[in-house]
Amino acid sequence: MCANDYTSDDIGWGILLRRGEAANAYLWRQGQVRGYCVLIHRGAPHVAEPTDLPEADAAAYWRDTLALGRALTAFYEPVKMNYSTLGNVVPHLHSHVCPRYAGESDPAPGGPLPWEVLRGRRQDEAQLLADASALRVLLGDA
């Protein structure tokens, strides 16, 4: 994963919501969780860990992360937001930002999400596009 590979508004697996200070936010097409997003660091230098960033760049990355989390919270009204900064498979700084819901709308209420629920089934495209449009408005004020 290289940030330069993710410059278009639609990268196949995700739809661009915002080009932030340091990272691009994408609404993910696959999985069982509505509103699942991935935030991909796009700045130089190429890093795998947030601790490898200079202080100002790290602060910008976390501002982008918080802006995305706030927009998702305002729009979807989840009971909890999950933030995961991984990179075990893809050594490029990125964070998974996932709203969590109560009851049947959450595939693993009260627990961690198994990876298999984030793959496979595609989100309804019309709903995804409508969500992306609304989230862009919220992120415009970020």
N, C-alpha and C. Protein backbone atom coordinates (compact mmCIF):
# COMPACT_ATOMS: atom_id res chain seq x y z
N MET A 1 0.86 -1.17 0.00
CA MET A 1 0.00 0.00 0.00
C MET A 1 0.89 1.22 0.00
N CYS A 2 0.79 2.02 -1.00
CA CYS A 2 1.51 3.28 -1.05
C CYS A 2 0.48 4.38 -1.22
N ALA A 3 0.63 5.45 -0.47
CA ALA A 3 -0.36 6.53 -0.52
C ALA A 3 -0.50 7.08 -1.93
N ASN A 4 0.56 7.03 -2.71
CA ASN A 4 0.47 7.53 -4.07
C ASN A 4 -0.44 6.67 -4.93
N ASP A 5 -0.71 5.43 -4.50
CA ASP A 5 -1.64 4.56 -5.22
C ASP A 5 -3.10 4.95 -4.96
N TYR A 6 -3.33 5.78 -3.98
CA TYR A 6 -4.69 6.10 -3.54
C TYR A 6 -4.96 7.59 -3.68
N THR A 7 -5.02 8.04 -4.93
CA THR A 7 -5.23 9.46 -5.16
C THR A 7 -6.58 9.76 -5.80
N SER A 8 -7.28 8.76 -6.31
CA SER A 8 -8.57 9.02 -6.96
C SER A 8 -9.69 9.02 -5.92
N ASP A 9 -10.85 9.48 -6.35
CA ASP A 9 -12.01 9.53 -5.45
C ASP A 9 -12.62 8.15 -5.22
N ASP A 10 -12.37 7.21 -6.12
CA ASP A 10 -12.90 5.86 -5.98
C ASP A 10 -11.77 4.89 -6.30
N ILE A 11 -11.30 4.19 -5.28
CA ILE A 11 -10.16 3.29 -5.45
C ILE A 11 -10.60 1.83 -5.50
N GLY A 12 -11.85 1.59 -5.79
CA GLY A 12 -12.37 0.23 -5.90
C GLY A 12 -12.91 -0.29 -4.59
N TRP A 13 -12.07 -0.47 -3.61
CA TRP A 13 -12.54 -0.98 -2.32
C TRP A 13 -13.05 0.13 -1.41
N GLY A 14 -12.79 1.39 -1.78
CA GLY A 14 -13.25 2.49 -0.94
C GLY A 14 -13.51 3.75 -1.73
N ILE A 15 -14.33 4.62 -1.13
CA ILE A 15 -14.68 5.91 -1.72
C ILE A 15 -14.06 7.00 -0.88
N LEU A 16 -13.34 7.91 -1.52
CA LEU A 16 -12.69 8.99 -0.80
C LEU A 16 -13.71 9.90 -0.13
N LEU A 17 -13.49 10.14 1.14
CA LEU A 17 -14.33 11.08 1.89
C LEU A 17 -13.64 12.43 2.05
N ARG A 18 -12.33 12.36 2.30
CA ARG A 18 -11.61 13.61 2.60
C ARG A 18 -10.11 13.41 2.40
N ARG A 19 -9.48 14.42 1.83
CA ARG A 19 -8.03 14.51 1.82
C ARG A 19 -7.68 15.44 2.98
N GLY A 20 -7.24 14.87 4.07
CA GLY A 20 -6.92 15.65 5.25
C GLY A 20 -5.52 16.24 5.19
N GLU A 21 -5.07 16.72 6.31
CA GLU A 21 -3.72 17.30 6.39
C GLU A 21 -2.65 16.27 6.04
N ALA A 22 -2.80 15.06 6.57
CA ALA A 22 -1.76 14.05 6.45
C ALA A 22 -2.26 12.72 5.89
N ALA A 23 -3.58 12.54 5.81
CA ALA A 23 -4.12 11.24 5.43
C ALA A 23 -5.41 11.38 4.64
N ASN A 24 -5.68 10.37 3.82
CA ASN A 24 -6.93 10.29 3.08
C ASN A 24 -7.87 9.34 3.82
N ALA A 25 -9.14 9.74 3.91
CA ALA A 25 -10.16 8.91 4.57
C ALA A 25 -11.04 8.28 3.50
N TYR A 26 -11.23 6.96 3.60
CA TYR A 26 -12.03 6.21 2.65
C TYR A 26 -13.14 5.45 3.37
N LEU A 27 -14.35 5.50 2.82
CA LEU A 27 -15.47 4.70 3.28
C LEU A 27 -15.38 3.36 2.56
N TRP A 28 -15.31 2.27 3.31
CA TRP A 28 -15.05 0.94 2.76
C TRP A 28 -16.32 0.32 2.21
N ARG A 29 -16.20 -0.33 1.06
CA ARG A 29 -17.34 -0.96 0.38
C ARG A 29 -17.71 -2.32 0.95
N GLN A 30 -16.79 -3.01 1.55
CA GLN A 30 -17.05 -4.39 1.96
C GLN A 30 -17.31 -4.49 3.45
N GLY A 31 -17.88 -5.62 3.83
CA GLY A 31 -18.05 -5.92 5.24
C GLY A 31 -19.47 -5.75 5.73
N GLN A 32 -19.67 -6.13 6.96
CA GLN A 32 -20.99 -6.11 7.57
C GLN A 32 -21.24 -4.88 8.43
N VAL A 33 -20.29 -3.97 8.51
CA VAL A 33 -20.43 -2.82 9.39
C VAL A 33 -20.57 -1.55 8.56
N ARG A 34 -21.72 -0.94 8.62
CA ARG A 34 -21.97 0.31 7.90
C ARG A 34 -21.13 1.42 8.52
N GLY A 35 -20.40 2.14 7.68
CA GLY A 35 -19.59 3.25 8.14
C GLY A 35 -18.13 2.92 8.39
N TYR A 36 -17.74 1.68 8.10
CA TYR A 36 -16.35 1.27 8.30
C TYR A 36 -15.45 2.07 7.37
N CYS A 37 -14.38 2.67 7.92
CA CYS A 37 -13.48 3.50 7.14
C CYS A 37 -12.02 3.11 7.37
N VAL A 38 -11.20 3.47 6.40
CA VAL A 38 -9.75 3.32 6.52
C VAL A 38 -9.13 4.68 6.22
N LEU A 39 -8.23 5.09 7.09
CA LEU A 39 -7.50 6.36 6.95
C LEU A 39 -6.07 6.01 6.59
N ILE A 40 -5.57 6.50 5.44
CA ILE A 40 -4.25 6.13 4.94
C ILE A 40 -3.34 7.36 4.92
N HIS A 41 -2.22 7.26 5.65
CA HIS A 41 -1.22 8.33 5.66
C HIS A 41 -0.66 8.49 4.26
N ARG A 42 -0.53 9.73 3.80
CA ARG A 42 -0.05 9.95 2.45
C ARG A 42 1.20 10.80 2.40
N GLY A 43 1.67 11.25 3.51
CA GLY A 43 2.82 12.15 3.51
C GLY A 43 4.15 11.45 3.40
N ALA A 44 5.15 12.24 3.16
CA ALA A 44 6.53 11.74 3.20
C ALA A 44 7.07 12.08 4.59
N PRO A 45 7.87 11.29 5.16
CA PRO A 45 8.41 10.06 4.59
C PRO A 45 7.42 8.92 4.71
N HIS A 46 7.67 7.86 3.93
CA HIS A 46 6.87 6.64 4.04
C HIS A 46 7.18 6.02 5.40
N VAL A 47 6.14 5.77 6.19
CA VAL A 47 6.33 5.18 7.51
C VAL A 47 5.30 4.08 7.73
N ALA A 48 5.63 3.19 8.65
CA ALA A 48 4.71 2.13 9.05
C ALA A 48 4.13 2.40 10.43
N GLU A 49 4.81 3.21 11.21
CA GLU A 49 4.39 3.46 12.59
C GLU A 49 4.16 4.96 12.81
N PRO A 50 3.13 5.32 13.58
CA PRO A 50 2.92 6.75 13.86
C PRO A 50 4.09 7.34 14.65
N THR A 51 4.79 6.52 15.41
CA THR A 51 5.94 7.00 16.19
C THR A 51 7.13 7.34 15.31
N ASP A 52 7.11 6.92 14.02
CA ASP A 52 8.18 7.27 13.09
C ASP A 52 8.00 8.65 12.48
N LEU A 53 6.85 9.26 12.71
CA LEU A 53 6.57 10.58 12.14
C LEU A 53 7.18 11.68 12.99
N PRO A 54 7.62 12.76 12.36
CA PRO A 54 7.97 13.95 13.14
C PRO A 54 6.75 14.43 13.91
N GLU A 55 6.96 15.12 15.00
CA GLU A 55 5.87 15.53 15.90
C GLU A 55 4.73 16.24 15.18
N ALA A 56 5.05 17.18 14.32
CA ALA A 56 4.00 17.95 13.62
C ALA A 56 3.20 17.05 12.68
N ASP A 57 3.87 16.12 12.00
CA ASP A 57 3.17 15.21 11.09
C ASP A 57 2.30 14.23 11.87
N ALA A 58 2.80 13.77 13.01
CA ALA A 58 2.01 12.86 13.85
C ALA A 58 0.76 13.57 14.35
N ALA A 59 0.90 14.82 14.77
CA ALA A 59 -0.27 15.58 15.24
C ALA A 59 -1.29 15.75 14.12
N ALA A 60 -0.81 16.01 12.89
CA ALA A 60 -1.72 16.16 11.75
C ALA A 60 -2.45 14.85 11.47
N TYR A 61 -1.73 13.72 11.56
CA TYR A 61 -2.36 12.42 11.32
C TYR A 61 -3.47 12.17 12.34
N TRP A 62 -3.21 12.45 13.60
CA TRP A 62 -4.22 12.21 14.63
C TRP A 62 -5.37 13.21 14.53
N ARG A 63 -5.11 14.43 14.07
CA ARG A 63 -6.22 15.37 13.81
C ARG A 63 -7.13 14.81 12.72
N ASP A 64 -6.53 14.25 11.67
CA ASP A 64 -7.33 13.63 10.60
C ASP A 64 -8.13 12.45 11.14
N THR A 65 -7.51 11.65 12.00
CA THR A 65 -8.20 10.50 12.59
C THR A 65 -9.39 10.96 13.43
N LEU A 66 -9.19 11.95 14.26
CA LEU A 66 -10.26 12.46 15.11
C LEU A 66 -11.37 13.12 14.30
N ALA A 67 -11.01 13.83 13.24
CA ALA A 67 -12.03 14.46 12.39
C ALA A 67 -12.92 13.39 11.78
N LEU A 68 -12.31 12.30 11.30
CA LEU A 68 -13.10 11.20 10.74
C LEU A 68 -13.98 10.57 11.80
N GLY A 69 -13.42 10.30 12.97
CA GLY A 69 -14.21 9.71 14.06
C GLY A 69 -15.39 10.58 14.47
N ARG A 70 -15.17 11.88 14.53
CA ARG A 70 -16.26 12.80 14.89
C ARG A 70 -17.36 12.80 13.84
N ALA A 71 -16.98 12.79 12.56
CA ALA A 71 -17.98 12.78 11.49
C ALA A 71 -18.78 11.48 11.52
N LEU A 72 -18.10 10.35 11.70
CA LEU A 72 -18.79 9.07 11.77
C LEU A 72 -19.74 9.03 12.97
N THR A 73 -19.30 9.56 14.09
CA THR A 73 -20.13 9.59 15.29
C THR A 73 -21.37 10.45 15.08
N ALA A 74 -21.18 11.61 14.48
CA ALA A 74 -22.31 12.52 14.25
C ALA A 74 -23.32 11.91 13.27
N PHE A 75 -22.83 11.23 12.25
CA PHE A 75 -23.72 10.71 11.22
C PHE A 75 -24.40 9.39 11.61
N TYR A 76 -23.62 8.44 12.10
CA TYR A 76 -24.16 7.10 12.37
C TYR A 76 -24.68 6.93 13.80
N GLU A 77 -24.27 7.78 14.71
CA GLU A 77 -24.65 7.70 16.12
C GLU A 77 -24.40 6.31 16.71
N PRO A 78 -23.16 5.81 16.59
CA PRO A 78 -22.85 4.49 17.15
C PRO A 78 -22.79 4.55 18.67
N VAL A 79 -22.79 3.37 19.29
CA VAL A 79 -22.62 3.33 20.74
C VAL A 79 -21.15 3.42 21.11
N LYS A 80 -20.25 3.15 20.15
CA LYS A 80 -18.81 3.19 20.38
C LYS A 80 -18.10 3.30 19.05
N MET A 81 -16.93 3.94 19.05
CA MET A 81 -16.07 3.96 17.87
C MET A 81 -14.83 3.13 18.18
N ASN A 82 -14.41 2.32 17.21
CA ASN A 82 -13.16 1.56 17.35
C ASN A 82 -12.12 2.18 16.43
N TYR A 83 -10.91 2.32 16.95
CA TYR A 83 -9.78 2.86 16.21
C TYR A 83 -8.66 1.82 16.27
N SER A 84 -8.22 1.34 15.11
CA SER A 84 -7.15 0.35 15.08
C SER A 84 -6.07 0.80 14.10
N THR A 85 -4.88 0.97 14.60
CA THR A 85 -3.74 1.30 13.75
C THR A 85 -2.90 0.04 13.67
N LEU A 86 -2.96 -0.60 12.53
CA LEU A 86 -2.35 -1.92 12.39
C LEU A 86 -1.09 -1.84 11.53
N GLY A 87 -1.09 -2.50 10.42
CA GLY A 87 0.09 -2.52 9.56
C GLY A 87 0.85 -3.82 9.63
N ASN A 88 0.25 -4.84 10.22
CA ASN A 88 0.92 -6.14 10.28
C ASN A 88 1.07 -6.75 8.90
N VAL A 89 0.09 -6.57 8.05
CA VAL A 89 0.11 -7.14 6.70
C VAL A 89 0.64 -6.11 5.70
N VAL A 90 0.17 -4.89 5.81
CA VAL A 90 0.57 -3.82 4.90
C VAL A 90 1.38 -2.80 5.71
N PRO A 91 2.71 -2.75 5.52
CA PRO A 91 3.55 -1.87 6.33
C PRO A 91 3.53 -0.42 5.87
N HIS A 92 2.36 0.16 5.90
CA HIS A 92 2.17 1.58 5.59
C HIS A 92 1.19 2.11 6.63
N LEU A 93 1.50 3.24 7.22
CA LEU A 93 0.67 3.78 8.29
C LEU A 93 -0.76 3.98 7.82
N HIS A 94 -1.67 3.29 8.49
CA HIS A 94 -3.10 3.45 8.22
C HIS A 94 -3.87 3.02 9.46
N SER A 95 -5.06 3.58 9.60
CA SER A 95 -5.92 3.26 10.75
C SER A 95 -7.30 2.87 10.25
N HIS A 96 -7.87 1.89 10.93
CA HIS A 96 -9.24 1.45 10.66
C HIS A 96 -10.12 2.14 11.69
N VAL A 97 -11.14 2.83 11.21
CA VAL A 97 -12.04 3.58 12.08
C VAL A 97 -13.43 3.00 11.85
N CYS A 98 -14.00 2.42 12.91
CA CYS A 98 -15.20 1.62 12.74
C CYS A 98 -16.26 1.94 13.79
N PRO A 99 -17.43 2.39 13.34
CA PRO A 99 -18.54 2.58 14.28
C PRO A 99 -19.05 1.22 14.78
N ARG A 100 -19.42 1.17 16.03
CA ARG A 100 -19.99 -0.05 16.61
C ARG A 100 -21.41 0.26 17.08
N TYR A 101 -22.27 -0.70 16.91
CA TYR A 101 -23.69 -0.51 17.16
C TYR A 101 -24.21 -1.48 18.23
N ALA A 102 -25.40 -1.23 18.68
CA ALA A 102 -26.03 -2.11 19.65
C ALA A 102 -26.87 -3.15 18.93
N GLY A 103 -27.02 -4.30 19.55
CA GLY A 103 -27.95 -5.31 19.06
C GLY A 103 -27.55 -5.94 17.76
N GLU A 104 -28.57 -6.28 16.96
CA GLU A 104 -28.38 -7.06 15.74
C GLU A 104 -27.64 -6.32 14.64
N SER A 105 -27.57 -4.99 14.69
CA SER A 105 -26.87 -4.26 13.64
C SER A 105 -25.35 -4.33 13.81
N ASP A 106 -24.88 -4.92 14.89
CA ASP A 106 -23.45 -5.12 15.11
C ASP A 106 -23.18 -6.62 15.09
N PRO A 107 -22.25 -7.08 14.25
CA PRO A 107 -22.00 -8.52 14.15
C PRO A 107 -21.32 -9.13 15.38
N ALA A 108 -20.76 -8.32 16.26
CA ALA A 108 -20.10 -8.84 17.46
C ALA A 108 -20.28 -7.84 18.61
N PRO A 109 -21.53 -7.60 19.04
CA PRO A 109 -21.77 -6.57 20.05
C PRO A 109 -20.97 -6.83 21.33
N GLY A 110 -20.32 -5.78 21.80
CA GLY A 110 -19.57 -5.86 23.04
C GLY A 110 -18.19 -6.48 22.93
N GLY A 111 -17.81 -6.95 21.75
CA GLY A 111 -16.51 -7.60 21.59
C GLY A 111 -15.77 -7.06 20.38
N PRO A 112 -14.55 -7.54 20.18
CA PRO A 112 -13.79 -7.10 19.00
C PRO A 112 -14.41 -7.67 17.72
N LEU A 113 -14.23 -6.95 16.64
CA LEU A 113 -14.75 -7.43 15.35
C LEU A 113 -13.80 -8.44 14.75
N PRO A 114 -14.29 -9.62 14.42
CA PRO A 114 -13.46 -10.57 13.68
C PRO A 114 -13.24 -10.05 12.25
N TRP A 115 -12.06 -10.27 11.71
CA TRP A 115 -11.75 -9.76 10.37
C TRP A 115 -12.74 -10.23 9.33
N GLU A 116 -13.27 -11.44 9.47
CA GLU A 116 -14.17 -11.94 8.43
C GLU A 116 -15.43 -11.11 8.27
N VAL A 117 -15.84 -10.37 9.29
CA VAL A 117 -17.05 -9.54 9.13
C VAL A 117 -16.74 -8.24 8.38
N LEU A 118 -15.46 -7.96 8.18
CA LEU A 118 -15.07 -6.76 7.45
C LEU A 118 -14.75 -7.05 5.99
N ARG A 119 -14.96 -8.26 5.58
CA ARG A 119 -14.70 -8.68 4.20
C ARG A 119 -15.95 -9.31 3.60
N GLY A 120 -15.83 -9.70 2.37
CA GLY A 120 -16.92 -10.43 1.73
C GLY A 120 -18.04 -9.54 1.25
N ARG A 121 -19.15 -9.58 1.94
CA ARG A 121 -20.36 -8.87 1.51
C ARG A 121 -20.08 -7.40 1.22
N ARG A 122 -20.59 -6.94 0.09
CA ARG A 122 -20.43 -5.53 -0.26
C ARG A 122 -21.59 -4.73 0.31
N GLN A 123 -21.30 -3.52 0.69
CA GLN A 123 -22.33 -2.60 1.15
C GLN A 123 -23.23 -2.24 -0.04
N ASP A 124 -24.47 -1.89 0.24
CA ASP A 124 -25.38 -1.42 -0.79
C ASP A 124 -24.79 -0.16 -1.41
N GLU A 125 -24.57 -0.17 -2.72
CA GLU A 125 -23.87 0.94 -3.38
C GLU A 125 -24.61 2.27 -3.27
N ALA A 126 -25.92 2.26 -3.43
CA ALA A 126 -26.69 3.51 -3.33
C ALA A 126 -26.58 4.08 -1.92
N GLN A 127 -26.68 3.22 -0.91
CA GLN A 127 -26.55 3.67 0.48
C GLN A 127 -25.14 4.17 0.75
N LEU A 128 -24.14 3.48 0.22
CA LEU A 128 -22.74 3.87 0.39
C LEU A 128 -22.49 5.26 -0.19
N LEU A 129 -23.00 5.50 -1.39
CA LEU A 129 -22.80 6.80 -2.03
C LEU A 129 -23.52 7.91 -1.27
N ALA A 130 -24.72 7.62 -0.78
CA ALA A 130 -25.45 8.61 0.02
C ALA A 130 -24.70 8.91 1.32
N ASP A 131 -24.20 7.86 1.98
CA ASP A 131 -23.43 8.05 3.21
C ASP A 131 -22.18 8.88 2.93
N ALA A 132 -21.48 8.56 1.84
CA ALA A 132 -20.26 9.29 1.50
C ALA A 132 -20.55 10.76 1.29
N SER A 133 -21.63 11.06 0.62
CA SER A 133 -21.99 12.46 0.38
C SER A 133 -22.26 13.19 1.69
N ALA A 134 -23.01 12.58 2.57
CA ALA A 134 -23.31 13.20 3.87
C ALA A 134 -22.06 13.34 4.72
N LEU A 135 -21.20 12.36 4.71
CA LEU A 135 -19.97 12.42 5.50
C LEU A 135 -19.02 13.48 4.96
N ARG A 136 -18.97 13.67 3.64
CA ARG A 136 -18.13 14.74 3.08
C ARG A 136 -18.57 16.11 3.58
N VAL A 137 -19.87 16.31 3.71
CA VAL A 137 -20.37 17.58 4.23
C VAL A 137 -19.88 17.77 5.66
N LEU A 138 -20.02 16.74 6.49
CA LEU A 138 -19.57 16.83 7.88
C LEU A 138 -18.07 17.04 7.96
N LEU A 139 -17.30 16.38 7.10
CA LEU A 139 -15.85 16.51 7.13
C LEU A 139 -15.39 17.84 6.55
N GLY A 140 -16.23 18.50 5.80
CA GLY A 140 -15.88 19.81 5.28
C GLY A 140 -15.70 20.83 6.38
N ASP A 141 -16.32 20.56 7.52
CA ASP A 141 -16.21 21.46 8.67
C ASP A 141 -15.16 21.00 9.67
N ALA A 142 -14.39 19.95 9.30
CA ALA A 142 -13.45 19.33 10.25
C ALA A 142 -12.32 20.25 10.65
